[in-house]
C-alpha atoms as a PDB file:
ATOM      1  CA  UNK A   1     -48.842 -59.569 -13.986  1.00  0.00           C
ATOM      2  CA  UNK A   2     -45.756 -57.651 -13.321  1.00  0.00           C
ATOM      3  CA  UNK A   3     -43.273 -59.682 -11.232  1.00  0.00           C
ATOM      4  CA  UNK A   4     -41.718 -57.745  -8.382  1.00  0.00           C
ATOM      5  CA  UNK A   5     -38.194 -58.458  -7.176  1.00  0.00           C
ATOM      6  CA  UNK A   6     -37.141 -57.556  -3.693  1.00  0.00           C
ATOM      7  CA  UNK A   7     -33.518 -56.557  -3.337  1.00  0.00           C
ATOM      8  CA  UNK A   8     -31.783 -58.299  -0.479  1.00  0.00           C
ATOM      9  CA  UNK A   9     -29.400 -56.069   1.445  1.00  0.00           C
ATOM     10  CA  UNK A  10     -25.903 -57.502   1.883  1.00  0.00           C
ATOM     11  CA  UNK A  11     -24.688 -57.483   5.458  1.00  0.00           C
ATOM     12  CA  UNK A  12     -20.939 -57.979   5.884  1.00  0.00           C
ATOM     13  CA  UNK A  13     -19.755 -60.484   8.445  1.00  0.00           C
ATOM     14  CA  UNK A  14     -18.436 -59.041  11.707  1.00  0.00           C
ATOM     15  CA  UNK A  15     -14.731 -58.420  11.643  1.00  0.00           C
ATOM     16  CA  UNK A  16     -12.635 -60.754  13.739  1.00  0.00           C
ATOM     17  CA  UNK A  17     -10.072 -59.607  16.292  1.00  0.00           C
ATOM     18  CA  UNK A  18      -7.281 -59.741  13.718  1.00  0.00           C
ATOM     19  CA  UNK A  19      -9.227 -57.338  11.442  1.00  0.00           C
ATOM     20  CA  UNK A  20      -9.842 -54.679  14.086  1.00  0.00           C
ATOM     21  CA  UNK A  21      -7.939 -51.470  13.614  1.00  0.00           C
ATOM     22  CA  UNK A  22      -5.580 -50.945  16.553  1.00  0.00           C
ATOM     23  CA  UNK A  23      -6.401 -48.072  18.817  1.00  0.00           C
ATOM     24  CA  UNK A  24      -4.129 -45.105  18.172  1.00  0.00           C
ATOM     25  CA  UNK A  25      -1.681 -44.367  20.963  1.00  0.00           C
ATOM     26  CA  UNK A  26      -2.690 -41.666  23.393  1.00  0.00           C
ATOM     27  CA  UNK A  27      -1.028 -38.287  23.432  1.00  0.00           C
ATOM     28  CA  UNK A  28       0.629 -39.100  26.745  1.00  0.00           C
ATOM     29  CA  UNK A  29       2.018 -42.352  25.320  1.00  0.00           C
ATOM     30  CA  UNK A  30       3.377 -40.550  22.272  1.00  0.00           C
ATOM     31  CA  UNK A  31       5.022 -38.018  24.543  1.00  0.00           C
ATOM     32  CA  UNK A  32       6.631 -40.784  26.624  1.00  0.00           C
ATOM     33  CA  UNK A  33       7.908 -42.474  23.463  1.00  0.00           C
ATOM     34  CA  UNK A  34       9.422 -39.252  22.152  1.00  0.00           C
ATOM     35  CA  UNK A  35      11.052 -38.563  25.513  1.00  0.00           C
ATOM     36  CA  UNK A  36      12.532 -42.059  25.580  1.00  0.00           C
ATOM     37  CA  UNK A  37      13.959 -41.615  22.083  1.00  0.00           C
ATOM     38  CA  UNK A  38      15.377 -38.235  23.017  1.00  0.00           C
ATOM     39  CA  UNK A  39      17.065 -39.705  26.103  1.00  0.00           C
ATOM     40  CA  UNK A  40      18.417 -42.604  24.052  1.00  0.00           C
ATOM     41  CA  UNK A  41      19.855 -40.161  21.517  1.00  0.00           C
ATOM     42  CA  UNK A  42      21.521 -38.153  24.290  1.00  0.00           C
ATOM     43  CA  UNK A  43      23.043 -41.332  25.648  1.00  0.00           C
ATOM     44  CA  UNK A  44      24.494 -42.117  22.222  1.00  0.00           C
ATOM     45  CA  UNK A  45      26.036 -38.658  22.149  1.00  0.00           C
ATOM     46  CA  UNK A  46      27.750 -39.469  25.451  1.00  0.00           C
ATOM     47  CA  UNK A  47      29.362 -42.627  24.059  1.00  0.00           C
ATOM     48  CA  UNK A  48      33.067 -42.688  23.155  1.00  0.00           C
ATOM     49  CA  UNK A  49      33.736 -42.780  19.428  1.00  0.00           C
ATOM     50  CA  UNK A  50      34.994 -46.375  19.417  1.00  0.00           C
ATOM     51  CA  UNK A  51      31.737 -47.664  20.888  1.00  0.00           C
ATOM     52  CA  UNK A  52      29.618 -45.434  18.706  1.00  0.00           C
ATOM     53  CA  UNK A  53      31.314 -47.007  15.684  1.00  0.00           C
ATOM     54  CA  UNK A  54      30.135 -50.445  16.830  1.00  0.00           C
ATOM     55  CA  UNK A  55      26.458 -49.518  16.477  1.00  0.00           C
ATOM     56  CA  UNK A  56      24.566 -49.971  13.217  1.00  0.00           C
ATOM     57  CA  UNK A  57      23.416 -46.378  12.796  1.00  0.00           C
ATOM     58  CA  UNK A  58      22.177 -44.593   9.715  1.00  0.00           C
ATOM     59  CA  UNK A  59      24.835 -42.294   8.313  1.00  0.00           C
ATOM     60  CA  UNK A  60      22.791 -39.156   8.929  1.00  0.00           C
ATOM     61  CA  UNK A  61      22.142 -40.134  12.553  1.00  0.00           C
ATOM     62  CA  UNK A  62      25.788 -41.032  13.124  1.00  0.00           C
ATOM     63  CA  UNK A  63      26.964 -37.715  11.669  1.00  0.00           C
ATOM     64  CA  UNK A  64      24.448 -35.796  13.794  1.00  0.00           C
ATOM     65  CA  UNK A  65      25.698 -37.525  16.951  1.00  0.00           C
ATOM     66  CA  UNK A  66      29.339 -36.781  16.098  1.00  0.00           C
ATOM     67  CA  UNK A  67      28.426 -33.165  15.446  1.00  0.00           C
ATOM     68  CA  UNK A  68      26.672 -32.952  18.837  1.00  0.00           C
ATOM     69  CA  UNK A  69      29.814 -34.295  20.497  1.00  0.00           C
ATOM     70  CA  UNK A  70      31.850 -31.570  18.808  1.00  0.00           C
ATOM     71  CA  UNK A  71      29.621 -28.609  19.752  1.00  0.00           C
ATOM     72  CA  UNK A  72      30.555 -26.725  22.914  1.00  0.00           C
ATOM     73  CA  UNK A  73      27.996 -23.922  22.853  1.00  0.00           C
ATOM     74  CA  UNK A  74      25.140 -24.748  25.226  1.00  0.00           C
ATOM     75  CA  UNK A  75      22.318 -23.477  23.018  1.00  0.00           C
ATOM     76  CA  UNK A  76      23.747 -24.938  19.806  1.00  0.00           C
ATOM     77  CA  UNK A  77      24.271 -28.283  21.548  1.00  0.00           C
ATOM     78  CA  UNK A  78      20.702 -28.237  22.839  1.00  0.00           C
ATOM     79  CA  UNK A  79      19.360 -27.737  19.315  1.00  0.00           C
ATOM     80  CA  UNK A  80      21.627 -30.464  17.957  1.00  0.00           C
ATOM     81  CA  UNK A  81      20.443 -32.891  20.642  1.00  0.00           C
ATOM     82  CA  UNK A  82      16.866 -32.165  19.639  1.00  0.00           C
ATOM     83  CA  UNK A  83      17.794 -32.934  16.042  1.00  0.00           C
ATOM     84  CA  UNK A  84      19.388 -36.222  17.136  1.00  0.00           C
ATOM     85  CA  UNK A  85      16.186 -37.078  19.017  1.00  0.00           C
ATOM     86  CA  UNK A  86      14.164 -36.366  15.884  1.00  0.00           C
ATOM     87  CA  UNK A  87      16.351 -38.684  13.803  1.00  0.00           C
ATOM     88  CA  UNK A  88      15.983 -41.379  16.455  1.00  0.00           C
ATOM     89  CA  UNK A  89      12.315 -41.720  15.461  1.00  0.00           C
ATOM     90  CA  UNK A  90      13.406 -43.458  12.247  1.00  0.00           C
ATOM     91  CA  UNK A  91      16.120 -45.583  13.880  1.00  0.00           C
ATOM     92  CA  UNK A  92      15.861 -49.282  14.653  1.00  0.00           C
ATOM     93  CA  UNK A  93      16.283 -48.797  18.383  1.00  0.00           C
ATOM     94  CA  UNK A  94      15.982 -52.343  19.751  1.00  0.00           C
ATOM     95  CA  UNK A  95      19.467 -53.493  18.646  1.00  0.00           C
ATOM     96  CA  UNK A  96      20.845 -50.225  20.007  1.00  0.00           C
ATOM     97  CA  UNK A  97      19.202 -50.737  23.388  1.00  0.00           C
ATOM     98  CA  UNK A  98      20.359 -54.356  23.469  1.00  0.00           C
ATOM     99  CA  UNK A  99      23.976 -53.348  22.847  1.00  0.00           C
ATOM    100  CA  UNK A 100      23.826 -50.616  25.475  1.00  0.00           C
ATOM    101  CA  UNK A 101      22.418 -53.105  27.974  1.00  0.00           C
ATOM    102  CA  UNK A 102      25.294 -55.453  27.159  1.00  0.00           C
ATOM    103  CA  UNK A 103      27.804 -52.670  27.781  1.00  0.00           C
ATOM    104  CA  UNK A 104      26.020 -51.748  31.012  1.00  0.00           C
ATOM    105  CA  UNK A 105      26.483 -55.298  32.234  1.00  0.00           C
ATOM    106  CA  UNK A 106      30.172 -55.153  31.430  1.00  0.00           C
ATOM    107  CA  UNK A 107      30.464 -51.848  33.268  1.00  0.00           C
ATOM    108  CA  UNK A 108      28.807 -53.282  36.377  1.00  0.00           C
ATOM    109  CA  UNK A 109      31.242 -56.191  36.353  1.00  0.00           C
ATOM    110  CA  UNK A 110      34.170 -53.810  36.005  1.00  0.00           C
ATOM    111  CA  UNK A 111      32.903 -51.685  38.904  1.00  0.00           C
ATOM    112  CA  UNK A 112      32.510 -54.755  41.107  1.00  0.00           C
ATOM    113  CA  UNK A 113      36.032 -55.917  40.241  1.00  0.00           C
ATOM    114  CA  UNK A 114      37.401 -52.457  41.013  1.00  0.00           C
ATOM    115  CA  UNK A 115      35.740 -52.460  44.445  1.00  0.00           C
ATOM    116  CA  UNK A 116      37.181 -55.886  45.205  1.00  0.00           C
ATOM    117  CA  UNK A 117      40.663 -54.564  44.469  1.00  0.00           C
ATOM    118  CA  UNK A 118      40.026 -51.601  46.755  1.00  0.00           C
ATOM    119  CA  UNK A 119      38.952 -53.984  49.514  1.00  0.00           C
ATOM    120  CA  UNK A 120      42.164 -55.948  49.138  1.00  0.00           C
ATOM    121  CA  UNK A 121      44.231 -52.781  49.327  1.00  0.00           C
ATOM    122  CA  UNK A 122      42.425 -51.577  52.443  1.00  0.00           C
ATOM    123  CA  UNK A 123      42.858 -54.932  54.158  1.00  0.00           C
ATOM    124  CA  UNK A 124      46.573 -54.985  53.367  1.00  0.00           C
ATOM    125  CA  UNK A 125      46.903 -51.550  54.948  1.00  0.00           C
ATOM    126  CA  UNK A 126      45.242 -52.750  58.168  1.00  0.00           C
ATOM    127  CA  UNK A 127      47.973 -55.039  59.482  1.00  0.00           C
ATOM    128  CA  UNK A 128      50.742 -57.419  58.468  1.00  0.00           C
ATOM    129  CA  UNK A 129      48.581 -60.519  59.000  1.00  0.00           C
ATOM    130  CA  UNK A 130      46.441 -59.481  56.043  1.00  0.00           C
ATOM    131  CA  UNK A 131      49.571 -59.207  53.905  1.00  0.00           C
ATOM    132  CA  UNK A 132      50.678 -62.682  54.999  1.00  0.00           C
ATOM    133  CA  UNK A 133      47.287 -64.136  54.047  1.00  0.00           C
ATOM    134  CA  UNK A 134      47.325 -62.347  50.687  1.00  0.00           C
ATOM    135  CA  UNK A 135      50.809 -63.597  49.852  1.00  0.00           C
ATOM    136  CA  UNK A 136      49.783 -67.144  50.777  1.00  0.00           C
ATOM    137  CA  UNK A 137      46.882 -66.925  48.312  1.00  0.00           C
ATOM    138  CA  UNK A 138      49.099 -65.464  45.579  1.00  0.00           C
ATOM    139  CA  UNK A 139      52.246 -67.581  45.208  1.00  0.00           C
ATOM    140  CA  UNK A 140      53.471 -65.386  42.374  1.00  0.00           C
ATOM    141  CA  UNK A 141      53.752 -62.356  44.646  1.00  0.00           C
ATOM    142  CA  UNK A 142      57.153 -60.915  45.487  1.00  0.00           C
ATOM    143  CA  UNK A 143      56.676 -60.749  49.257  1.00  0.00           C
ATOM    144  CA  UNK A 144      59.473 -58.260  49.858  1.00  0.00           C
ATOM    145  CA  UNK A 145      58.288 -55.920  47.111  1.00  0.00           C
ATOM    146  CA  UNK A 146      54.653 -56.130  48.211  1.00  0.00           C
ATOM    147  CA  UNK A 147      55.484 -55.398  51.857  1.00  0.00           C
ATOM    148  CA  UNK A 148      57.576 -52.408  50.755  1.00  0.00           C
ATOM    149  CA  UNK A 149      54.595 -51.065  48.797  1.00  0.00           C
ATOM    150  CA  UNK A 150      52.349 -51.548  51.829  1.00  0.00           C
ATOM    151  CA  UNK A 151      54.742 -49.679  54.126  1.00  0.00           C
ATOM    152  CA  UNK A 152      55.054 -46.811  51.648  1.00  0.00           C
ATOM    153  CA  UNK A 153      51.258 -46.573  51.298  1.00  0.00           C
ATOM    154  CA  UNK A 154      50.867 -46.512  55.094  1.00  0.00           C
ATOM    155  CA  UNK A 155      53.381 -43.671  55.374  1.00  0.00           C
ATOM    156  CA  UNK A 156      51.578 -41.792  52.628  1.00  0.00           C
ATOM    157  CA  UNK A 157      48.259 -42.250  54.412  1.00  0.00           C
ATOM    158  CA  UNK A 158      49.719 -40.931  57.663  1.00  0.00           C
ATOM    159  CA  UNK A 159      51.227 -37.937  55.868  1.00  0.00           C
ATOM    160  CA  UNK A 160      47.884 -37.164  54.218  1.00  0.00           C
ATOM    161  CA  UNK A 161      46.138 -37.298  57.587  1.00  0.00           C
ATOM    162  CA  UNK A 162      48.509 -34.590  58.878  1.00  0.00           C
ATOM    163  CA  UNK A 163      47.921 -32.186  55.981  1.00  0.00           C
ATOM    164  CA  UNK A 164      46.530 -28.740  56.643  1.00  0.00           C
ATOM    165  CA  UNK A 165      43.213 -27.722  55.058  1.00  0.00           C
ATOM    166  CA  UNK A 166      43.694 -26.889  51.409  1.00  0.00           C
ATOM    167  CA  UNK A 167      46.820 -28.999  50.969  1.00  0.00           C
ATOM    168  CA  UNK A 168      46.678 -31.631  48.231  1.00  0.00           C
ATOM    169  CA  UNK A 169      46.953 -35.228  49.466  1.00  0.00           C
ATOM    170  CA  UNK A 170      49.399 -37.573  47.773  1.00  0.00           C
ATOM    171  CA  UNK A 171      48.197 -40.863  46.289  1.00  0.00           C
ATOM    172  CA  UNK A 172      51.198 -42.146  44.400  1.00  0.00           C
ATOM    173  CA  UNK A 173      51.874 -45.026  46.800  1.00  0.00           C
ATOM    174  CA  UNK A 174      48.179 -45.898  47.012  1.00  0.00           C
ATOM    175  CA  UNK A 175      48.119 -46.220  43.231  1.00  0.00           C
ATOM    176  CA  UNK A 176      51.291 -48.291  43.160  1.00  0.00           C
ATOM    177  CA  UNK A 177      49.882 -50.730  45.718  1.00  0.00           C
ATOM    178  CA  UNK A 178      46.566 -50.876  43.856  1.00  0.00           C
ATOM    179  CA  UNK A 179      48.268 -51.684  40.553  1.00  0.00           C
ATOM    180  CA  UNK A 180      50.343 -54.466  42.124  1.00  0.00           C
ATOM    181  CA  UNK A 181      47.226 -56.016  43.677  1.00  0.00           C
ATOM    182  CA  UNK A 182      45.468 -55.743  40.316  1.00  0.00           C
ATOM    183  CA  UNK A 183      48.350 -57.519  38.576  1.00  0.00           C
ATOM    184  CA  UNK A 184      48.471 -60.333  41.135  1.00  0.00           C
ATOM    185  CA  UNK A 185      44.693 -60.789  41.079  1.00  0.00           C
ATOM    186  CA  UNK A 186      44.746 -61.024  37.276  1.00  0.00           C
ATOM    187  CA  UNK A 187      47.399 -63.746  37.498  1.00  0.00           C
ATOM    188  CA  UNK A 188      45.377 -65.592  40.132  1.00  0.00           C
ATOM    189  CA  UNK A 189      42.184 -65.438  38.059  1.00  0.00           C
ATOM    190  CA  UNK A 190      44.044 -66.640  34.984  1.00  0.00           C
ATOM    191  CA  UNK A 191      45.232 -69.595  37.063  1.00  0.00           C
ATOM    192  CA  UNK A 192      41.702 -70.418  38.242  1.00  0.00           C
ATOM    193  CA  UNK A 193      41.930 -68.819  41.698  1.00  0.00           C
ATOM    194  CA  UNK A 194      39.230 -66.217  41.140  1.00  0.00           C
ATOM    195  CA  UNK A 195      37.426 -67.029  44.414  1.00  0.00           C
ATOM    196  CA  UNK A 196      40.144 -65.619  46.662  1.00  0.00           C
ATOM    197  CA  UNK A 197      38.378 -62.362  47.441  1.00  0.00           C
ATOM    198  CA  UNK A 198      38.038 -60.315  50.649  1.00  0.00           C
ATOM    199  CA  UNK A 199      34.800 -59.898  52.561  1.00  0.00           C
ATOM    200  CA  UNK A 200      32.875 -56.811  51.550  1.00  0.00           C
ATOM    201  CA  UNK A 201      32.573 -55.555  55.143  1.00  0.00           C
ATOM    202  CA  UNK A 202      36.307 -55.569  55.777  1.00  0.00           C
ATOM    203  CA  UNK A 203      37.112 -52.274  54.054  1.00  0.00           C
ATOM    204  CA  UNK A 204      39.043 -49.777  56.134  1.00  0.00           C
ATOM    205  CA  UNK A 205      37.540 -46.411  57.050  1.00  0.00           C
ATOM    206  CA  UNK A 206      40.045 -44.602  54.859  1.00  0.00           C
ATOM    207  CA  UNK A 207      39.078 -46.401  51.615  1.00  0.00           C
ATOM    208  CA  UNK A 208      37.729 -43.171  50.160  1.00  0.00           C
ATOM    209  CA  UNK A 209      41.228 -41.685  50.145  1.00  0.00           C
ATOM    210  CA  UNK A 210      42.597 -44.076  47.482  1.00  0.00           C
ATOM    211  CA  UNK A 211      42.092 -44.469  43.789  1.00  0.00           C
ATOM    212  CA  UNK A 212      43.540 -46.545  41.034  1.00  0.00           C
END
């Protein structure tokens, strides 16, 4: 009698979660990723050369960014920016983003410090009592010199207020007072007196007229 053999079909075990193929990203997600890389590349083009040199960029990407910075023609620059965005797809972007975030934090601190100096200047221009308080908090200040700078800045402000439309306002004395406040604040912070700062709501109405 002929013996019959029945072939048993092999059934593979179900794949676990780790074996599942990941779902491919959607078209909209791919578009968002490409846009983000393009924007990141454009931000790199806007960096000064000294900061650009601090980033670990591939040579081809670095050269493309430098070339984009050099181009002045609108259409040629647009094409070069697109090329930079294309090269960004092969870049290791996380360290780049981390460094940019670090620089952003430094920039925010610098902006806050700048505004504090402006507040001091505006308070000193309000009245002599503010100058007396400032000098008391900054023993290294030359009181006579500081008061002379304040008087000159007040005169300059009054002269600017009397200008006719179209006339250029002067800011030389505003800058001189600002720089002296900056120097004295740096000395105070170096000596551990960094908390001596004005209230944020004490800025004078004319604060927009000054700059550093």
